[in-house]
Amino acid sequence: MNKGFHYTLEKEDILNYMKLSDEEKLNWLEEIVSFTEKALTPKEKKIREYFRNNRENVKNDEEQKLF
């Protein structure tokens, strides 16, 4: 498959994440959400919401406009 992206994590990175406190993990998550909101285009946000809502809130005519 040539679409999307692929990445790997080193075992050390996973272990370091596991050592973080709950508060540190939540702060990390908030930073990722903030970054994502700033980085995505309006169209990308619409596509993300489409999949988050399990396609229930998007009508067929709107679905065609996404892609």
Protein backbone atom coordinates (compact mmCIF):
# COMPACT_ATOMS: atom_id res chain seq x y z
CA MET A 1 0.00 0.00 0.00
CA ASN A 2 1.50 3.35 -1.04
CA LYS A 3 -0.88 5.67 0.81
CA GLY A 4 -0.61 6.97 4.33
CA PHE A 5 2.50 6.70 6.41
CA HIS A 6 4.49 4.16 8.35
CA TYR A 7 6.71 4.53 11.36
CA THR A 8 8.36 2.34 13.94
CA LEU A 9 9.24 2.88 17.57
CA GLU A 10 12.31 1.61 19.30
CA LYS A 11 11.73 -0.53 22.37
CA GLU A 12 13.60 2.10 24.41
CA ASP A 13 11.11 4.80 23.32
CA ILE A 14 8.18 2.66 24.41
CA LEU A 15 9.79 1.92 27.76
CA ASN A 16 10.52 5.62 28.31
CA TYR A 17 6.88 6.48 27.59
CA MET A 18 5.74 3.85 30.07
CA LYS A 19 7.86 5.55 32.75
CA LEU A 20 6.01 8.85 32.38
CA SER A 21 3.53 9.83 35.07
CA ASP A 22 -0.16 10.06 34.23
CA GLU A 23 0.11 13.84 34.25
CA GLU A 24 3.06 13.79 31.84
CA LYS A 25 1.16 11.46 29.49
CA LEU A 26 -1.89 13.75 29.56
CA ASN A 27 0.31 16.80 28.87
CA TRP A 28 1.86 14.96 25.93
CA LEU A 29 -1.60 14.10 24.62
CA GLU A 30 -2.75 17.74 24.93
CA GLU A 31 0.32 18.88 22.99
CA ILE A 32 -0.39 16.38 20.21
CA VAL A 33 -4.04 17.47 19.98
CA SER A 34 -3.01 21.13 19.85
CA PHE A 35 -0.40 20.46 17.17
CA THR A 36 -2.86 18.42 15.10
CA GLU A 37 -5.49 21.18 15.25
CA LYS A 38 -2.93 23.70 13.98
CA ALA A 39 -1.41 21.44 11.33
CA LEU A 40 -4.49 20.00 9.62
CA THR A 41 -6.22 21.83 6.80
CA PRO A 42 -10.00 22.37 7.02
CA LYS A 43 -10.49 19.54 4.51
CA GLU A 44 -8.31 17.17 6.55
CA LYS A 45 -10.24 18.07 9.71
CA LYS A 46 -13.50 17.32 7.92
CA ILE A 47 -12.19 13.91 6.82
CA ARG A 48 -10.98 13.17 10.36
CA GLU A 49 -14.39 14.04 11.78
CA TYR A 50 -16.03 11.87 9.15
CA PHE A 51 -14.14 8.83 10.40
CA ARG A 52 -14.44 9.77 14.08
CA ASN A 53 -18.20 9.90 13.78
CA ASN A 54 -18.29 6.49 12.14
CA ARG A 55 -19.91 8.11 9.11
CA GLU A 56 -23.18 8.46 11.03
CA ASN A 57 -23.36 12.25 10.91
CA VAL A 58 -22.23 12.69 7.32
CA LYS A 59 -24.78 12.47 4.55
CA ASN A 60 -23.95 10.80 1.27
CA ASP A 61 -23.75 14.07 -0.65
CA GLU A 62 -21.33 15.43 1.95
CA GLU A 63 -19.31 12.23 1.77
CA GLN A 64 -18.73 12.74 -1.94
CA LYS A 65 -17.36 16.25 -1.27
CA LEU A 66 -14.73 14.87 1.13
CA PHE A 67 -12.91 12.88 -1.48
